């Protein structure tokens, strides 16, 4: 699992970059065997004007194929990365659960019990 962080219009200190990598790894490590690459794109939307303007967009490339995106905007970089990493982890979990469910259903014969209910 490779982690890469890219900053648009600025630079990160090596300490901050290390902290952000750890945060991404912590949020997504449990899916390590299913993740090929994590790319985080950081951007200051308002420049020096301040406000809730730090955006983090995370792209997670899954094995064998597919990818998910998650995004968060917050007042500081650490918070934006943390929220985006949590969202990415939730989406990766949902995608992998869906794939597992579909694989399990493909092997089951159809029966009335396995059919979805149509109660109104």
N, C-alpha and C. Protein backbone atom coordinates (compact mmCIF):
# COMPACT_ATOMS: atom_id res chain seq x y z
N UNK A 1 0.86 -1.17 0.00
CA UNK A 1 0.00 0.00 0.00
C UNK A 1 0.90 1.23 0.00
N UNK A 2 0.83 1.99 -1.10
CA UNK A 2 1.62 3.22 -1.21
C UNK A 2 0.76 4.41 -0.84
N UNK A 3 1.36 5.35 -0.13
CA UNK A 3 0.67 6.59 0.23
C UNK A 3 1.43 7.75 -0.39
N UNK A 4 0.71 8.58 -1.13
CA UNK A 4 1.35 9.78 -1.68
C UNK A 4 0.47 10.98 -1.39
N UNK A 5 1.12 12.07 -1.03
CA UNK A 5 0.43 13.31 -0.69
C UNK A 5 0.92 14.39 -1.63
N UNK A 6 -0.02 15.06 -2.26
CA UNK A 6 0.32 16.14 -3.19
C UNK A 6 -0.36 17.42 -2.71
N UNK A 7 0.38 18.52 -2.79
CA UNK A 7 -0.13 19.81 -2.34
C UNK A 7 -0.20 20.74 -3.52
N UNK A 8 -1.34 21.38 -3.67
CA UNK A 8 -1.50 22.36 -4.73
C UNK A 8 -1.31 23.76 -4.14
N UNK A 9 -0.43 24.53 -4.71
CA UNK A 9 -0.15 25.90 -4.28
C UNK A 9 0.42 25.94 -2.86
N UNK A 10 1.48 25.25 -2.63
CA UNK A 10 2.12 25.33 -1.33
C UNK A 10 3.01 24.13 -1.07
N UNK A 11 3.50 24.07 0.15
CA UNK A 11 4.37 22.97 0.55
C UNK A 11 4.00 22.55 1.96
N UNK A 12 4.33 21.32 2.29
CA UNK A 12 4.14 20.79 3.64
C UNK A 12 5.51 20.59 4.28
N UNK A 13 5.56 20.81 5.56
CA UNK A 13 6.78 20.47 6.27
C UNK A 13 6.88 18.95 6.32
N UNK A 14 8.08 18.43 6.47
CA UNK A 14 8.25 16.98 6.51
C UNK A 14 7.54 16.38 7.71
N UNK A 15 7.49 17.10 8.84
CA UNK A 15 6.80 16.62 10.03
C UNK A 15 5.30 16.50 9.77
N UNK A 16 4.70 17.52 9.16
CA UNK A 16 3.27 17.50 8.86
C UNK A 16 2.95 16.43 7.84
N UNK A 17 3.80 16.27 6.85
CA UNK A 17 3.58 15.23 5.84
C UNK A 17 3.61 13.84 6.48
N UNK A 18 4.54 13.63 7.39
CA UNK A 18 4.64 12.35 8.11
C UNK A 18 3.38 12.10 8.95
N UNK A 19 2.88 13.13 9.63
CA UNK A 19 1.66 12.99 10.44
C UNK A 19 0.46 12.64 9.56
N UNK A 20 0.35 13.28 8.41
CA UNK A 20 -0.76 13.01 7.52
C UNK A 20 -0.69 11.60 6.95
N UNK A 21 0.51 11.15 6.59
CA UNK A 21 0.68 9.78 6.11
C UNK A 21 0.26 8.78 7.17
N UNK A 22 0.66 9.03 8.42
CA UNK A 22 0.27 8.15 9.52
C UNK A 22 -1.24 8.11 9.69
N UNK A 23 -1.88 9.28 9.57
CA UNK A 23 -3.33 9.36 9.72
C UNK A 23 -4.04 8.56 8.64
N UNK A 24 -3.58 8.67 7.40
CA UNK A 24 -4.15 7.91 6.30
C UNK A 24 -3.92 6.41 6.50
N UNK A 25 -2.72 6.06 6.90
CA UNK A 25 -2.40 4.65 7.13
C UNK A 25 -3.26 4.09 8.25
N UNK A 26 -3.42 4.84 9.33
CA UNK A 26 -4.21 4.39 10.47
C UNK A 26 -5.66 4.13 10.06
N UNK A 27 -6.23 5.01 9.26
CA UNK A 27 -7.63 4.88 8.85
C UNK A 27 -7.86 3.73 7.88
N UNK A 28 -6.86 3.42 7.04
CA UNK A 28 -7.08 2.47 5.96
C UNK A 28 -6.25 1.19 6.05
N UNK A 29 -5.44 1.03 7.08
CA UNK A 29 -4.53 -0.12 7.18
C UNK A 29 -5.27 -1.45 7.23
N UNK A 30 -6.45 -1.48 7.81
CA UNK A 30 -7.17 -2.76 7.92
C UNK A 30 -7.56 -3.32 6.56
N UNK A 31 -7.56 -2.48 5.53
CA UNK A 31 -7.85 -2.92 4.17
C UNK A 31 -6.58 -3.05 3.34
N UNK A 32 -5.43 -3.09 4.00
CA UNK A 32 -4.13 -3.04 3.33
C UNK A 32 -3.96 -3.99 2.18
N UNK A 33 -4.44 -5.22 2.31
CA UNK A 33 -4.30 -6.20 1.24
C UNK A 33 -5.16 -5.89 0.03
N UNK A 34 -6.17 -5.05 0.19
CA UNK A 34 -7.09 -4.73 -0.89
C UNK A 34 -6.83 -3.34 -1.49
N UNK A 35 -5.86 -2.62 -0.94
CA UNK A 35 -5.56 -1.27 -1.42
C UNK A 35 -4.19 -1.26 -2.10
N UNK A 36 -4.16 -0.75 -3.31
CA UNK A 36 -2.91 -0.63 -4.04
C UNK A 36 -2.23 0.69 -3.74
N UNK A 37 -3.01 1.80 -3.77
CA UNK A 37 -2.42 3.12 -3.59
C UNK A 37 -3.43 4.07 -2.96
N UNK A 38 -2.93 4.97 -2.12
CA UNK A 38 -3.73 6.04 -1.54
C UNK A 38 -3.09 7.35 -1.98
N UNK A 39 -3.86 8.18 -2.66
CA UNK A 39 -3.38 9.49 -3.09
C UNK A 39 -4.22 10.56 -2.40
N UNK A 40 -3.56 11.49 -1.73
CA UNK A 40 -4.24 12.60 -1.07
C UNK A 40 -3.82 13.89 -1.75
N UNK A 41 -4.81 14.69 -2.13
CA UNK A 41 -4.57 15.97 -2.79
C UNK A 41 -5.05 17.07 -1.85
N UNK A 42 -4.15 17.95 -1.46
CA UNK A 42 -4.46 19.03 -0.53
C UNK A 42 -4.46 20.36 -1.27
N UNK A 43 -5.43 21.21 -0.87
CA UNK A 43 -5.54 22.50 -1.53
C UNK A 43 -6.10 23.54 -0.57
N UNK A 44 -5.52 24.73 -0.61
CA UNK A 44 -6.02 25.87 0.16
C UNK A 44 -6.93 26.65 -0.78
N UNK A 45 -8.24 26.57 -0.55
CA UNK A 45 -9.21 27.14 -1.48
C UNK A 45 -9.23 28.67 -1.49
N UNK A 46 -9.11 29.29 -0.33
CA UNK A 46 -9.23 30.75 -0.24
C UNK A 46 -7.90 31.48 -0.16
N UNK A 47 -6.82 30.77 -0.18
CA UNK A 47 -5.52 31.42 -0.05
C UNK A 47 -5.36 32.04 1.33
N UNK A 48 -4.83 33.24 1.42
CA UNK A 48 -4.55 33.85 2.72
C UNK A 48 -5.79 34.45 3.40
N UNK A 49 -6.96 34.36 2.78
CA UNK A 49 -8.15 34.98 3.37
C UNK A 49 -8.67 34.25 4.59
N UNK A 50 -8.27 33.00 4.80
CA UNK A 50 -8.70 32.25 5.97
C UNK A 50 -10.06 31.61 5.78
N UNK A 51 -10.62 31.13 6.88
CA UNK A 51 -11.92 30.48 6.83
C UNK A 51 -11.78 28.98 6.65
N UNK A 52 -12.92 28.33 6.47
CA UNK A 52 -12.94 26.87 6.31
C UNK A 52 -12.57 26.56 4.87
N UNK A 53 -11.27 26.49 4.61
CA UNK A 53 -10.84 26.46 3.22
C UNK A 53 -9.77 25.43 2.90
N UNK A 54 -9.46 24.53 3.78
CA UNK A 54 -8.47 23.49 3.49
C UNK A 54 -9.22 22.27 2.99
N UNK A 55 -8.96 21.89 1.73
CA UNK A 55 -9.67 20.75 1.17
C UNK A 55 -8.70 19.58 0.99
N UNK A 56 -9.19 18.40 1.34
CA UNK A 56 -8.43 17.17 1.13
C UNK A 56 -9.31 16.23 0.30
N UNK A 57 -8.77 15.81 -0.82
CA UNK A 57 -9.45 14.84 -1.67
C UNK A 57 -8.59 13.58 -1.70
N UNK A 58 -9.18 12.46 -1.33
CA UNK A 58 -8.45 11.20 -1.26
C UNK A 58 -8.98 10.25 -2.32
N UNK A 59 -8.05 9.64 -3.05
CA UNK A 59 -8.40 8.60 -4.01
C UNK A 59 -7.73 7.32 -3.56
N UNK A 60 -8.52 6.27 -3.43
CA UNK A 60 -8.02 4.96 -3.01
C UNK A 60 -8.18 4.00 -4.18
N UNK A 61 -7.06 3.46 -4.68
CA UNK A 61 -7.09 2.48 -5.77
C UNK A 61 -7.14 1.09 -5.15
N UNK A 62 -8.17 0.34 -5.53
CA UNK A 62 -8.39 -0.98 -4.96
C UNK A 62 -7.80 -2.08 -5.84
N UNK A 63 -7.51 -3.21 -5.23
CA UNK A 63 -7.01 -4.39 -5.92
C UNK A 63 -8.18 -5.34 -6.09
N UNK A 64 -8.48 -5.92 -7.20
CA UNK A 64 -7.74 -5.88 -8.45
C UNK A 64 -8.07 -4.66 -9.31
N UNK A 65 -9.22 -4.03 -9.10
CA UNK A 65 -9.54 -2.85 -9.88
C UNK A 65 -10.57 -2.00 -9.14
N UNK A 66 -10.73 -0.79 -9.61
CA UNK A 66 -11.69 0.13 -9.02
C UNK A 66 -11.01 1.14 -8.12
N UNK A 67 -11.73 2.20 -7.87
CA UNK A 67 -11.22 3.21 -6.96
C UNK A 67 -12.39 3.95 -6.34
N UNK A 68 -12.13 4.58 -5.21
CA UNK A 68 -13.14 5.39 -4.54
C UNK A 68 -12.53 6.75 -4.27
N UNK A 69 -13.41 7.74 -4.12
CA UNK A 69 -12.98 9.10 -3.80
C UNK A 69 -13.69 9.54 -2.54
N UNK A 70 -13.00 10.34 -1.74
CA UNK A 70 -13.60 10.95 -0.56
C UNK A 70 -13.01 12.34 -0.43
N UNK A 71 -13.81 13.26 0.07
CA UNK A 71 -13.37 14.64 0.16
C UNK A 71 -13.90 15.27 1.43
N UNK A 72 -13.12 16.20 1.98
CA UNK A 72 -13.54 16.97 3.15
C UNK A 72 -12.89 18.34 3.10
N UNK A 73 -13.61 19.32 3.62
CA UNK A 73 -13.09 20.68 3.72
C UNK A 73 -13.20 21.11 5.18
N UNK A 74 -12.13 21.70 5.69
CA UNK A 74 -12.11 22.12 7.09
C UNK A 74 -11.19 23.33 7.25
N UNK A 75 -11.13 23.86 8.46
CA UNK A 75 -10.31 25.05 8.73
C UNK A 75 -8.82 24.76 8.70
N UNK A 76 -8.41 23.54 9.07
CA UNK A 76 -6.99 23.20 9.03
C UNK A 76 -6.77 21.88 8.31
N UNK A 77 -5.55 21.69 7.85
CA UNK A 77 -5.21 20.52 7.03
C UNK A 77 -5.41 19.22 7.78
N UNK A 78 -4.99 19.16 9.04
CA UNK A 78 -5.09 17.92 9.81
C UNK A 78 -6.53 17.46 9.94
N UNK A 79 -7.44 18.39 10.22
CA UNK A 79 -8.85 18.03 10.35
C UNK A 79 -9.44 17.59 9.02
N UNK A 80 -9.09 18.28 7.95
CA UNK A 80 -9.60 17.91 6.64
C UNK A 80 -9.13 16.51 6.24
N UNK A 81 -7.86 16.21 6.49
CA UNK A 81 -7.33 14.88 6.17
C UNK A 81 -8.00 13.82 7.03
N UNK A 82 -8.19 14.10 8.32
CA UNK A 82 -8.83 13.14 9.21
C UNK A 82 -10.25 12.81 8.78
N UNK A 83 -11.03 13.84 8.47
CA UNK A 83 -12.42 13.61 8.04
C UNK A 83 -12.48 12.89 6.71
N UNK A 84 -11.62 13.27 5.76
CA UNK A 84 -11.60 12.61 4.46
C UNK A 84 -11.15 11.16 4.59
N UNK A 85 -10.19 10.89 5.47
CA UNK A 85 -9.71 9.52 5.68
C UNK A 85 -10.81 8.64 6.27
N UNK A 86 -11.58 9.18 7.22
CA UNK A 86 -12.70 8.42 7.79
C UNK A 86 -13.75 8.11 6.72
N UNK A 87 -14.06 9.09 5.89
CA UNK A 87 -15.02 8.88 4.81
C UNK A 87 -14.51 7.84 3.82
N UNK A 88 -13.23 7.91 3.49
CA UNK A 88 -12.64 6.94 2.55
C UNK A 88 -12.70 5.53 3.14
N UNK A 89 -12.39 5.39 4.41
CA UNK A 89 -12.43 4.07 5.05
C UNK A 89 -13.85 3.52 5.03
N UNK A 90 -14.84 4.37 5.29
CA UNK A 90 -16.24 3.93 5.27
C UNK A 90 -16.63 3.48 3.87
N UNK A 91 -16.22 4.23 2.86
CA UNK A 91 -16.57 3.87 1.49
C UNK A 91 -15.86 2.60 1.03
N UNK A 92 -14.60 2.43 1.40
CA UNK A 92 -13.88 1.20 1.06
C UNK A 92 -14.57 0.01 1.71
N UNK A 93 -14.93 0.14 2.99
CA UNK A 93 -15.63 -0.93 3.68
C UNK A 93 -16.93 -1.28 2.97
N UNK A 94 -17.71 -0.26 2.59
CA UNK A 94 -18.98 -0.50 1.91
C UNK A 94 -18.79 -1.20 0.56
N UNK A 95 -17.80 -0.76 -0.21
CA UNK A 95 -17.53 -1.37 -1.51
C UNK A 95 -17.12 -2.83 -1.34
N UNK A 96 -16.22 -3.10 -0.41
CA UNK A 96 -15.76 -4.48 -0.21
C UNK A 96 -16.88 -5.36 0.34
N UNK A 97 -17.72 -4.83 1.23
CA UNK A 97 -18.87 -5.59 1.73
C UNK A 97 -19.83 -5.92 0.59
N UNK A 98 -20.07 -4.95 -0.28
CA UNK A 98 -20.97 -5.17 -1.41
C UNK A 98 -20.43 -6.25 -2.33
N UNK A 99 -19.12 -6.20 -2.61
CA UNK A 99 -18.51 -7.22 -3.48
C UNK A 99 -18.62 -8.60 -2.84
N UNK A 100 -18.39 -8.68 -1.53
CA UNK A 100 -18.48 -9.95 -0.83
C UNK A 100 -19.90 -10.47 -0.86
N UNK A 101 -20.88 -9.61 -0.65
CA UNK A 101 -22.28 -10.01 -0.68
C UNK A 101 -22.66 -10.52 -2.06
N UNK A 102 -22.23 -9.82 -3.10
CA UNK A 102 -22.55 -10.24 -4.46
C UNK A 102 -21.90 -11.58 -4.79
N UNK A 103 -20.67 -11.78 -4.33
CA UNK A 103 -19.98 -13.04 -4.58
C UNK A 103 -20.70 -14.18 -3.86
N UNK A 104 -21.13 -13.94 -2.62
CA UNK A 104 -21.84 -14.97 -1.87
C UNK A 104 -23.19 -15.29 -2.50
N UNK A 105 -23.89 -14.28 -2.97
CA UNK A 105 -25.20 -14.51 -3.59
C UNK A 105 -25.07 -15.23 -4.91
N UNK A 106 -23.98 -15.03 -5.62
CA UNK A 106 -23.79 -15.68 -6.92
C UNK A 106 -23.72 -17.20 -6.75
N UNK A 107 -23.23 -17.67 -5.62
CA UNK A 107 -23.11 -19.11 -5.39
C UNK A 107 -24.36 -19.75 -4.82
N UNK A 108 -25.32 -18.95 -4.36
CA UNK A 108 -26.55 -19.48 -3.76
C UNK A 108 -27.60 -19.74 -4.82
N UNK A 109 -28.31 -20.86 -4.72
CA UNK A 109 -29.46 -21.05 -5.61
C UNK A 109 -30.59 -20.13 -5.16
N UNK A 110 -31.43 -19.73 -6.11
CA UNK A 110 -32.54 -18.83 -5.79
C UNK A 110 -33.61 -19.59 -5.02
N UNK A 111 -34.13 -18.98 -3.99
CA UNK A 111 -35.26 -19.53 -3.25
C UNK A 111 -36.11 -18.37 -2.77
N UNK A 112 -37.33 -18.64 -2.36
CA UNK A 112 -38.22 -17.60 -1.87
C UNK A 112 -37.64 -16.92 -0.63
N UNK A 113 -36.88 -17.67 0.18
CA UNK A 113 -36.30 -17.10 1.39
C UNK A 113 -35.20 -16.09 1.08
N UNK A 114 -34.46 -16.30 -0.03
CA UNK A 114 -33.35 -15.40 -0.35
C UNK A 114 -33.79 -14.21 -1.18
N UNK A 115 -35.05 -14.23 -1.67
CA UNK A 115 -35.54 -13.11 -2.47
C UNK A 115 -35.79 -11.90 -1.59
N UNK A 116 -35.53 -10.71 -2.10
CA UNK A 116 -35.81 -9.51 -1.31
C UNK A 116 -37.30 -9.35 -1.07
N UNK A 117 -37.67 -8.88 0.10
CA UNK A 117 -39.09 -8.72 0.41
C UNK A 117 -39.61 -7.45 -0.24
N UNK A 118 -40.88 -7.46 -0.58
CA UNK A 118 -41.49 -6.30 -1.24
C UNK A 118 -42.68 -5.80 -0.43
N UNK A 119 -42.46 -5.69 0.85
CA UNK A 119 -43.52 -5.19 1.72
C UNK A 119 -43.66 -3.70 1.57
N UNK A 120 -44.90 -3.22 1.59
CA UNK A 120 -45.16 -1.79 1.49
C UNK A 120 -45.74 -1.28 2.76
